[in-house]
Amino acid sequence: MAWITKLTPKAEKQSIKLPKSVMAARLMLMQDIETLGPVRGDWPNYGKLTGSRHHCHLKKGNPTYVAVWTVDKETIKVEVTYVGTHEKAPY
């Protein structure tokens, strides 16, 4: 089953400011979600947040970059709502 992934407009703006290595990791994460599903236990520090929200680290170190996404199982859609530093993450 293929999942549909997209970025929210806010996450698109955040992505523009990311370092290239983090941008590449975000793209790889979205490809993994599309092919393997939204539960990504193989990504560093993956965790399920409240409800249908998930997160993982895109780059460890200082600063640490994370991605947060929400899942709609009925429509098989995943929406990345945040991409940025760990300090400003909405969780």
N, C-alpha and C. Protein backbone atom coordinates (compact mmCIF):
# COMPACT_ATOMS: atom_id res chain seq x y z
N MET A 1 0.84 -1.16 0.00
CA MET A 1 0.00 0.00 0.00
C MET A 1 0.89 1.24 0.00
N ALA A 2 0.69 2.13 -0.95
CA ALA A 2 1.47 3.36 -1.04
C ALA A 2 0.78 4.48 -0.27
N TRP A 3 1.54 5.16 0.55
CA TRP A 3 1.03 6.29 1.31
C TRP A 3 1.30 7.58 0.54
N ILE A 4 0.42 8.55 0.68
CA ILE A 4 0.59 9.86 0.06
C ILE A 4 1.19 10.78 1.12
N THR A 5 2.35 11.36 0.82
CA THR A 5 2.99 12.26 1.77
C THR A 5 3.07 13.65 1.17
N LYS A 6 2.92 14.64 2.04
CA LYS A 6 3.08 16.03 1.60
C LYS A 6 3.53 16.87 2.77
N LEU A 7 4.02 18.05 2.46
CA LEU A 7 4.43 19.03 3.46
C LEU A 7 3.34 20.07 3.62
N THR A 8 3.13 20.53 4.83
CA THR A 8 2.24 21.67 5.02
C THR A 8 2.97 22.90 4.50
N PRO A 9 2.25 23.97 4.19
CA PRO A 9 2.93 25.20 3.75
C PRO A 9 3.98 25.70 4.74
N LYS A 10 3.69 25.57 6.02
CA LYS A 10 4.65 25.99 7.05
C LYS A 10 5.91 25.13 6.99
N ALA A 11 5.74 23.81 6.83
CA ALA A 11 6.89 22.92 6.76
C ALA A 11 7.70 23.16 5.49
N GLU A 12 7.03 23.55 4.40
CA GLU A 12 7.76 23.88 3.17
C GLU A 12 8.68 25.08 3.41
N LYS A 13 8.17 26.11 4.10
CA LYS A 13 8.99 27.29 4.40
C LYS A 13 10.16 26.91 5.30
N GLN A 14 9.90 26.03 6.27
CA GLN A 14 10.96 25.60 7.18
C GLN A 14 12.03 24.81 6.42
N SER A 15 11.61 24.01 5.44
CA SER A 15 12.53 23.17 4.68
C SER A 15 13.53 23.99 3.89
N ILE A 16 13.13 25.14 3.43
CA ILE A 16 14.01 25.99 2.63
C ILE A 16 15.25 26.40 3.42
N LYS A 17 15.09 26.56 4.73
CA LYS A 17 16.19 27.03 5.58
C LYS A 17 17.09 25.91 6.10
N LEU A 18 16.77 24.67 5.79
CA LEU A 18 17.54 23.53 6.30
C LEU A 18 18.88 23.38 5.60
N PRO A 19 19.88 22.86 6.31
CA PRO A 19 21.13 22.48 5.65
C PRO A 19 20.85 21.37 4.62
N LYS A 20 21.70 21.26 3.63
CA LYS A 20 21.48 20.27 2.55
C LYS A 20 21.39 18.84 3.07
N SER A 21 22.21 18.50 4.05
CA SER A 21 22.19 17.13 4.57
C SER A 21 20.87 16.82 5.27
N VAL A 22 20.31 17.80 5.95
CA VAL A 22 19.03 17.61 6.63
C VAL A 22 17.90 17.55 5.61
N MET A 23 17.99 18.38 4.58
CA MET A 23 17.00 18.35 3.50
C MET A 23 16.99 16.97 2.84
N ALA A 24 18.17 16.40 2.61
CA ALA A 24 18.25 15.06 2.01
C ALA A 24 17.64 14.02 2.93
N ALA A 25 17.88 14.15 4.23
CA ALA A 25 17.30 13.21 5.20
C ALA A 25 15.78 13.33 5.21
N ARG A 26 15.24 14.55 5.10
CA ARG A 26 13.80 14.74 5.06
C ARG A 26 13.20 14.08 3.83
N LEU A 27 13.86 14.22 2.71
CA LEU A 27 13.38 13.57 1.48
C LEU A 27 13.40 12.05 1.62
N MET A 28 14.46 11.51 2.22
CA MET A 28 14.55 10.06 2.43
C MET A 28 13.46 9.58 3.37
N LEU A 29 13.19 10.36 4.43
CA LEU A 29 12.13 9.99 5.37
C LEU A 29 10.78 9.95 4.65
N MET A 30 10.50 10.95 3.83
CA MET A 30 9.22 10.99 3.13
C MET A 30 9.10 9.82 2.14
N GLN A 31 10.20 9.44 1.50
CA GLN A 31 10.18 8.29 0.60
C GLN A 31 9.95 7.00 1.38
N ASP A 32 10.58 6.87 2.55
CA ASP A 32 10.36 5.69 3.39
C ASP A 32 8.91 5.60 3.84
N ILE A 33 8.33 6.73 4.21
CA ILE A 33 6.93 6.74 4.63
C ILE A 33 6.02 6.34 3.48
N GLU A 34 6.30 6.84 2.28
CA GLU A 34 5.48 6.50 1.12
C GLU A 34 5.49 5.01 0.83
N THR A 35 6.64 4.39 0.93
CA THR A 35 6.75 2.98 0.57
C THR A 35 6.50 2.02 1.72
N LEU A 36 6.93 2.39 2.94
CA LEU A 36 6.87 1.46 4.07
C LEU A 36 5.84 1.81 5.13
N GLY A 37 5.25 3.01 5.06
CA GLY A 37 4.25 3.41 6.02
C GLY A 37 4.77 4.41 7.03
N PRO A 38 3.87 5.01 7.81
CA PRO A 38 4.24 6.10 8.71
C PRO A 38 4.93 5.69 10.01
N VAL A 39 4.89 4.45 10.39
CA VAL A 39 5.57 4.00 11.61
C VAL A 39 7.01 3.67 11.25
N ARG A 40 7.94 4.54 11.62
CA ARG A 40 9.32 4.44 11.18
C ARG A 40 10.26 4.13 12.34
N GLY A 41 10.14 2.97 12.91
CA GLY A 41 10.99 2.56 14.01
C GLY A 41 12.45 2.42 13.64
N ASP A 42 12.76 2.41 12.34
CA ASP A 42 14.14 2.29 11.89
C ASP A 42 14.86 3.64 11.79
N TRP A 43 14.17 4.74 12.11
CA TRP A 43 14.77 6.07 12.11
C TRP A 43 15.19 6.42 13.53
N PRO A 44 16.25 7.23 13.70
CA PRO A 44 16.76 7.56 15.04
C PRO A 44 15.71 8.29 15.88
N ASN A 45 15.59 7.87 17.12
CA ASN A 45 14.71 8.49 18.10
C ASN A 45 13.27 8.62 17.61
N TYR A 46 12.83 7.65 16.82
CA TYR A 46 11.43 7.65 16.39
C TYR A 46 10.53 7.50 17.60
N GLY A 47 9.41 8.19 17.58
CA GLY A 47 8.45 8.04 18.67
C GLY A 47 7.06 8.43 18.21
N LYS A 48 6.08 7.73 18.72
CA LYS A 48 4.70 8.10 18.44
C LYS A 48 4.28 9.10 19.50
N LEU A 49 3.76 10.22 19.06
CA LEU A 49 3.28 11.25 19.98
C LEU A 49 1.79 11.01 20.21
N THR A 50 1.11 11.95 20.79
CA THR A 50 -0.31 11.79 21.07
C THR A 50 -1.12 11.65 19.79
N GLY A 51 -2.15 10.84 19.86
CA GLY A 51 -3.05 10.68 18.71
C GLY A 51 -2.36 10.06 17.52
N SER A 52 -2.43 10.73 16.39
CA SER A 52 -1.88 10.21 15.15
C SER A 52 -0.59 10.93 14.75
N ARG A 53 0.11 11.52 15.71
CA ARG A 53 1.34 12.26 15.41
C ARG A 53 2.56 11.41 15.73
N HIS A 54 3.60 11.58 14.91
CA HIS A 54 4.85 10.84 15.05
C HIS A 54 6.00 11.84 14.89
N HIS A 55 7.19 11.44 15.34
CA HIS A 55 8.38 12.26 15.10
C HIS A 55 9.63 11.38 15.07
N CYS A 56 10.69 11.93 14.49
CA CYS A 56 12.00 11.28 14.53
C CYS A 56 13.07 12.33 14.31
N HIS A 57 14.31 11.95 14.59
CA HIS A 57 15.44 12.85 14.37
C HIS A 57 15.94 12.69 12.94
N LEU A 58 16.21 13.80 12.29
CA LEU A 58 16.80 13.79 10.95
C LEU A 58 18.31 13.90 11.05
N LYS A 59 18.81 14.61 12.07
CA LYS A 59 20.24 14.77 12.29
C LYS A 59 20.48 14.94 13.78
N LYS A 60 21.35 14.11 14.32
CA LYS A 60 21.71 14.24 15.72
C LYS A 60 22.84 15.25 15.86
N GLY A 61 23.11 15.66 17.06
CA GLY A 61 24.20 16.61 17.30
C GLY A 61 23.64 17.93 17.77
N ASN A 62 24.41 18.97 17.54
CA ASN A 62 23.98 20.29 17.97
C ASN A 62 24.03 21.25 16.80
N PRO A 63 22.94 21.69 16.27
CA PRO A 63 21.57 21.43 16.71
C PRO A 63 21.04 20.10 16.17
N THR A 64 20.08 19.54 16.88
CA THR A 64 19.39 18.33 16.44
C THR A 64 18.20 18.76 15.60
N TYR A 65 18.03 18.13 14.45
CA TYR A 65 16.90 18.43 13.58
C TYR A 65 15.89 17.29 13.65
N VAL A 66 14.61 17.65 13.69
CA VAL A 66 13.55 16.65 13.80
C VAL A 66 12.47 16.90 12.74
N ALA A 67 11.67 15.88 12.52
CA ALA A 67 10.48 15.99 11.67
C ALA A 67 9.29 15.48 12.48
N VAL A 68 8.15 16.14 12.32
CA VAL A 68 6.92 15.74 12.97
C VAL A 68 5.88 15.57 11.88
N TRP A 69 5.13 14.45 11.93
CA TRP A 69 4.10 14.24 10.92
C TRP A 69 2.84 13.67 11.54
N THR A 70 1.72 13.89 10.83
CA THR A 70 0.44 13.35 11.26
C THR A 70 -0.04 12.35 10.23
N VAL A 71 -0.86 11.40 10.68
CA VAL A 71 -1.31 10.31 9.83
C VAL A 71 -2.83 10.30 9.78
N ASP A 72 -3.38 10.16 8.58
CA ASP A 72 -4.81 9.96 8.39
C ASP A 72 -4.97 8.59 7.73
N LYS A 73 -5.29 7.58 8.53
CA LYS A 73 -5.35 6.21 8.02
C LYS A 73 -6.51 5.99 7.05
N GLU A 74 -7.57 6.76 7.19
CA GLU A 74 -8.72 6.57 6.31
C GLU A 74 -8.39 6.93 4.86
N THR A 75 -7.62 7.98 4.65
CA THR A 75 -7.29 8.42 3.30
C THR A 75 -5.87 8.03 2.90
N ILE A 76 -5.16 7.33 3.76
CA ILE A 76 -3.78 6.89 3.53
C ILE A 76 -2.88 8.09 3.21
N LYS A 77 -3.03 9.17 4.00
CA LYS A 77 -2.23 10.38 3.81
C LYS A 77 -1.38 10.66 5.03
N VAL A 78 -0.18 11.15 4.77
CA VAL A 78 0.73 11.58 5.83
C VAL A 78 1.11 13.02 5.52
N GLU A 79 1.02 13.87 6.53
CA GLU A 79 1.33 15.28 6.35
C GLU A 79 2.45 15.66 7.31
N VAL A 80 3.58 16.07 6.75
CA VAL A 80 4.71 16.53 7.56
C VAL A 80 4.38 17.95 7.99
N THR A 81 4.26 18.15 9.31
CA THR A 81 3.83 19.44 9.84
C THR A 81 4.96 20.31 10.36
N TYR A 82 6.12 19.70 10.65
CA TYR A 82 7.25 20.46 11.17
C TYR A 82 8.55 19.82 10.76
N VAL A 83 9.48 20.64 10.33
CA VAL A 83 10.85 20.21 10.05
C VAL A 83 11.76 21.32 10.55
N GLY A 84 12.59 21.01 11.52
CA GLY A 84 13.47 22.03 12.06
C GLY A 84 14.22 21.55 13.27
N THR A 85 14.70 22.51 14.05
CA THR A 85 15.49 22.17 15.22
C THR A 85 14.62 21.60 16.34
N HIS A 86 15.25 20.80 17.16
CA HIS A 86 14.58 20.12 18.26
C HIS A 86 13.99 21.12 19.26
N GLU A 87 14.68 22.23 19.46
CA GLU A 87 14.25 23.21 20.46
C GLU A 87 12.89 23.82 20.15
N LYS A 88 12.57 23.97 18.86
CA LYS A 88 11.32 24.61 18.47
C LYS A 88 10.23 23.63 18.05
N ALA A 89 10.47 22.35 18.24
CA ALA A 89 9.52 21.33 17.80
C ALA A 89 8.21 21.42 18.59
N PRO A 90 7.07 21.25 17.91
CA PRO A 90 5.77 21.39 18.56
C PRO A 90 5.28 20.10 19.23
N TYR A 91 5.99 19.64 20.25
CA TYR A 91 5.53 18.50 21.01
C TYR A 91 5.88 18.57 22.45
